[in-house]
């Protein structure tokens, strides 16, 4: 039976249990990329997604400092106009 190119490289360059990687020019452990079992582990209880968080109406949202200062300034001008009449 004819050996594959990878098998020949592994036997020629690496010790038992290692495989030759041509990209890095190094021998790497065979189980380096697939350690553990072949089947992926599944969680015991399925996770249920959290319900979407409802946002507060725009009137109840906290305003930024710049917006609050602008609103106070506009309100002050409006009060001054009403007071001058």
N, C-alpha and C. Protein backbone atom coordinates (compact mmCIF):
# COMPACT_ATOMS: atom_id res chain seq x y z
N UNK A 1 0.85 -1.18 0.00
CA UNK A 1 0.00 0.00 0.00
C UNK A 1 0.89 1.25 0.00
N UNK A 2 0.54 2.19 -0.84
CA UNK A 2 1.34 3.41 -0.98
C UNK A 2 0.96 4.40 0.12
N UNK A 3 1.96 5.02 0.76
CA UNK A 3 1.72 5.98 1.82
C UNK A 3 1.46 7.36 1.23
N UNK A 4 0.67 8.14 1.93
CA UNK A 4 0.39 9.50 1.47
C UNK A 4 1.61 10.39 1.73
N UNK A 5 1.64 11.51 1.09
CA UNK A 5 2.75 12.46 1.27
C UNK A 5 2.87 12.89 2.74
N UNK A 6 1.70 13.13 3.39
CA UNK A 6 1.71 13.55 4.79
C UNK A 6 2.29 12.47 5.69
N UNK A 7 1.94 11.21 5.44
CA UNK A 7 2.47 10.10 6.25
C UNK A 7 3.98 10.00 6.10
N UNK A 8 4.48 10.16 4.89
CA UNK A 8 5.92 10.09 4.67
C UNK A 8 6.62 11.22 5.41
N UNK A 9 6.09 12.43 5.34
CA UNK A 9 6.68 13.57 6.05
C UNK A 9 6.66 13.36 7.56
N UNK A 10 5.52 12.86 8.07
CA UNK A 10 5.41 12.61 9.51
C UNK A 10 6.47 11.61 9.99
N UNK A 11 6.63 10.53 9.26
CA UNK A 11 7.60 9.50 9.66
C UNK A 11 9.04 10.00 9.52
N UNK A 12 9.29 10.81 8.51
CA UNK A 12 10.65 11.26 8.24
C UNK A 12 11.10 12.36 9.21
N UNK A 13 10.23 13.29 9.53
CA UNK A 13 10.62 14.46 10.31
C UNK A 13 10.19 14.43 11.78
N UNK A 14 9.15 13.70 12.11
CA UNK A 14 8.57 13.82 13.46
C UNK A 14 8.63 12.51 14.24
N UNK A 15 8.54 12.65 15.57
CA UNK A 15 8.47 11.46 16.41
C UNK A 15 7.02 10.98 16.45
N UNK A 16 6.80 9.80 17.03
CA UNK A 16 5.47 9.19 17.07
C UNK A 16 4.47 10.10 17.80
N UNK A 17 3.28 10.25 17.25
CA UNK A 17 2.24 11.06 17.87
C UNK A 17 2.26 12.52 17.41
N UNK A 18 3.18 12.86 16.50
CA UNK A 18 3.28 14.22 15.98
C UNK A 18 3.08 14.20 14.47
N UNK A 19 2.62 15.31 13.95
CA UNK A 19 2.45 15.44 12.50
C UNK A 19 3.17 16.68 12.01
N UNK A 20 3.69 16.61 10.80
CA UNK A 20 4.47 17.71 10.24
C UNK A 20 3.54 18.75 9.62
N UNK A 21 3.74 20.01 9.98
CA UNK A 21 2.96 21.11 9.43
C UNK A 21 3.87 21.89 8.50
N UNK A 22 3.54 21.87 7.20
CA UNK A 22 4.39 22.54 6.21
C UNK A 22 4.33 24.06 6.32
N UNK A 23 3.23 24.61 6.83
CA UNK A 23 3.10 26.06 6.97
C UNK A 23 4.07 26.61 8.01
N UNK A 24 4.17 25.93 9.14
CA UNK A 24 5.05 26.40 10.22
C UNK A 24 6.41 25.72 10.20
N UNK A 25 6.56 24.69 9.37
CA UNK A 25 7.79 23.91 9.27
C UNK A 25 8.17 23.30 10.62
N UNK A 26 7.13 22.83 11.35
CA UNK A 26 7.33 22.22 12.67
C UNK A 26 6.46 20.98 12.81
N UNK A 27 6.84 20.14 13.76
CA UNK A 27 6.02 18.99 14.11
C UNK A 27 5.10 19.39 15.26
N UNK A 28 3.82 19.05 15.12
CA UNK A 28 2.83 19.41 16.13
C UNK A 28 2.13 18.16 16.62
N UNK A 29 1.67 18.16 17.88
CA UNK A 29 0.95 16.99 18.39
C UNK A 29 -0.30 16.73 17.55
N UNK A 30 -0.61 15.47 17.36
CA UNK A 30 -1.76 15.11 16.53
C UNK A 30 -3.05 15.64 17.14
N UNK A 31 -3.19 15.61 18.47
CA UNK A 31 -4.42 16.02 19.13
C UNK A 31 -4.44 17.50 19.48
N UNK A 32 -3.56 18.30 18.91
CA UNK A 32 -3.48 19.72 19.28
C UNK A 32 -4.75 20.48 18.93
N UNK A 33 -5.38 20.12 17.82
CA UNK A 33 -6.53 20.88 17.37
C UNK A 33 -7.85 20.19 17.69
N UNK A 34 -7.80 18.96 18.09
CA UNK A 34 -9.05 18.25 18.33
C UNK A 34 -9.07 17.51 19.65
N UNK A 35 -8.50 18.10 20.68
CA UNK A 35 -8.46 17.42 21.96
C UNK A 35 -9.87 17.18 22.47
N UNK A 36 -10.07 16.08 23.15
CA UNK A 36 -11.37 15.78 23.72
C UNK A 36 -12.15 14.84 22.81
N UNK A 37 -13.44 14.75 23.07
CA UNK A 37 -14.26 13.83 22.30
C UNK A 37 -14.65 14.45 20.96
N UNK A 38 -15.11 13.61 20.07
CA UNK A 38 -15.51 14.07 18.75
C UNK A 38 -16.86 14.76 18.77
N UNK A 39 -17.70 14.44 19.74
CA UNK A 39 -19.02 15.06 19.80
C UNK A 39 -18.96 16.31 20.67
N UNK A 40 -19.59 17.38 20.22
CA UNK A 40 -19.58 18.60 21.03
C UNK A 40 -20.42 18.44 22.28
N UNK A 41 -20.01 19.10 23.32
CA UNK A 41 -20.75 19.03 24.58
C UNK A 41 -21.98 19.93 24.48
N UNK A 42 -23.11 19.40 24.95
CA UNK A 42 -24.33 20.20 24.96
C UNK A 42 -24.69 20.52 26.40
N UNK A 43 -25.22 21.70 26.66
CA UNK A 43 -25.60 22.03 28.02
C UNK A 43 -26.75 21.13 28.48
N UNK A 44 -26.80 20.87 29.79
CA UNK A 44 -27.83 19.98 30.32
C UNK A 44 -29.22 20.59 30.19
N UNK A 45 -29.33 21.88 30.47
CA UNK A 45 -30.62 22.55 30.33
C UNK A 45 -30.50 23.59 29.23
N UNK A 46 -31.42 23.59 28.31
CA UNK A 46 -31.33 24.58 27.23
C UNK A 46 -31.56 25.99 27.77
N UNK A 47 -30.80 26.91 27.24
CA UNK A 47 -30.92 28.29 27.70
C UNK A 47 -32.06 28.96 26.95
N UNK A 48 -32.93 29.61 27.70
CA UNK A 48 -34.02 30.35 27.06
C UNK A 48 -33.61 31.81 26.95
N UNK A 49 -33.88 32.43 25.81
CA UNK A 49 -33.49 33.82 25.66
C UNK A 49 -34.31 34.73 26.57
N UNK A 50 -33.67 35.76 27.05
CA UNK A 50 -34.36 36.72 27.92
C UNK A 50 -35.33 37.54 27.08
N UNK A 51 -36.48 37.92 27.67
CA UNK A 51 -37.42 38.73 26.90
C UNK A 51 -36.81 40.09 26.59
N UNK A 52 -37.21 40.70 25.47
CA UNK A 52 -36.63 41.99 25.12
C UNK A 52 -36.99 43.05 26.16
N UNK A 53 -36.03 43.92 26.41
CA UNK A 53 -36.24 44.99 27.39
C UNK A 53 -36.96 46.13 26.71
N UNK A 54 -38.06 46.55 27.32
CA UNK A 54 -38.82 47.66 26.74
C UNK A 54 -38.19 48.98 27.19
N UNK A 55 -38.04 49.87 26.23
CA UNK A 55 -37.45 51.16 26.56
C UNK A 55 -38.53 52.09 27.11
N UNK A 56 -38.07 53.01 27.95
CA UNK A 56 -39.00 53.99 28.51
C UNK A 56 -39.41 54.97 27.41
N UNK A 57 -40.61 55.55 27.53
CA UNK A 57 -41.00 56.56 26.56
C UNK A 57 -40.01 57.72 26.56
N UNK A 58 -39.96 58.44 25.46
CA UNK A 58 -38.97 59.51 25.30
C UNK A 58 -39.12 60.58 26.39
N UNK A 59 -40.32 60.84 26.87
CA UNK A 59 -40.53 61.87 27.88
C UNK A 59 -39.91 61.48 29.22
N UNK A 60 -39.83 60.20 29.51
CA UNK A 60 -39.30 59.76 30.80
C UNK A 60 -37.80 59.49 30.77
N UNK A 61 -37.21 59.45 29.59
CA UNK A 61 -35.79 59.17 29.49
C UNK A 61 -34.99 60.32 30.10
N UNK A 62 -33.87 59.98 30.70
CA UNK A 62 -32.98 60.99 31.26
C UNK A 62 -32.34 61.77 30.12
N UNK A 63 -32.30 63.07 30.27
CA UNK A 63 -31.73 63.91 29.24
C UNK A 63 -30.26 64.14 29.53
N UNK A 64 -29.53 64.40 28.49
CA UNK A 64 -28.13 64.75 28.65
C UNK A 64 -28.01 66.15 29.23
N UNK A 65 -26.84 66.48 29.74
CA UNK A 65 -26.62 67.77 30.39
C UNK A 65 -26.84 68.92 29.40
N UNK A 66 -26.37 68.78 28.17
CA UNK A 66 -26.51 69.85 27.19
C UNK A 66 -27.98 70.09 26.85
N UNK A 67 -28.75 69.02 26.72
CA UNK A 67 -30.18 69.17 26.40
C UNK A 67 -30.92 69.81 27.57
N UNK A 68 -30.58 69.41 28.78
CA UNK A 68 -31.23 69.98 29.95
C UNK A 68 -30.92 71.47 30.07
N UNK A 69 -29.67 71.87 29.81
CA UNK A 69 -29.30 73.29 29.87
C UNK A 69 -30.03 74.09 28.78
N UNK A 70 -30.13 73.53 27.59
CA UNK A 70 -30.83 74.20 26.49
C UNK A 70 -32.30 74.39 26.84
N UNK A 71 -32.93 73.34 27.37
CA UNK A 71 -34.34 73.44 27.74
C UNK A 71 -34.56 74.50 28.82
N UNK A 72 -33.66 74.56 29.80
CA UNK A 72 -33.78 75.57 30.86
C UNK A 72 -33.61 76.97 30.29
N UNK A 73 -32.69 77.14 29.36
CA UNK A 73 -32.45 78.43 28.73
C UNK A 73 -33.68 78.88 27.94
N UNK A 74 -34.24 77.97 27.14
CA UNK A 74 -35.43 78.30 26.34
C UNK A 74 -36.61 78.62 27.26
N UNK A 75 -36.75 77.85 28.34
CA UNK A 75 -37.85 78.11 29.28
C UNK A 75 -37.67 79.46 29.94
N UNK A 76 -36.43 79.81 30.27
CA UNK A 76 -36.16 81.11 30.89
C UNK A 76 -36.48 82.25 29.94
N UNK A 77 -36.14 82.12 28.67
CA UNK A 77 -36.47 83.16 27.68
C UNK A 77 -37.98 83.27 27.53
N UNK A 78 -38.67 82.10 27.45
CA UNK A 78 -40.13 82.13 27.30
C UNK A 78 -40.78 82.79 28.52
N UNK A 79 -40.29 82.52 29.72
CA UNK A 79 -40.84 83.14 30.93
C UNK A 79 -40.59 84.64 30.91
N UNK A 80 -39.42 85.08 30.41
CA UNK A 80 -39.10 86.50 30.36
C UNK A 80 -40.03 87.21 29.36
N UNK A 81 -40.34 86.57 28.25
CA UNK A 81 -41.22 87.17 27.24
C UNK A 81 -42.63 87.30 27.81
N UNK A 82 -43.10 86.26 28.49
CA UNK A 82 -44.45 86.31 29.08
C UNK A 82 -44.50 87.38 30.18
N UNK A 83 -43.46 87.52 30.96
CA UNK A 83 -43.43 88.49 32.06
C UNK A 83 -43.38 89.93 31.53
N UNK A 84 -42.78 90.13 30.37
CA UNK A 84 -42.68 91.49 29.83
C UNK A 84 -43.98 91.96 29.20
N UNK A 85 -44.92 91.11 28.95
CA UNK A 85 -46.19 91.53 28.33
C UNK A 85 -47.13 92.07 29.32
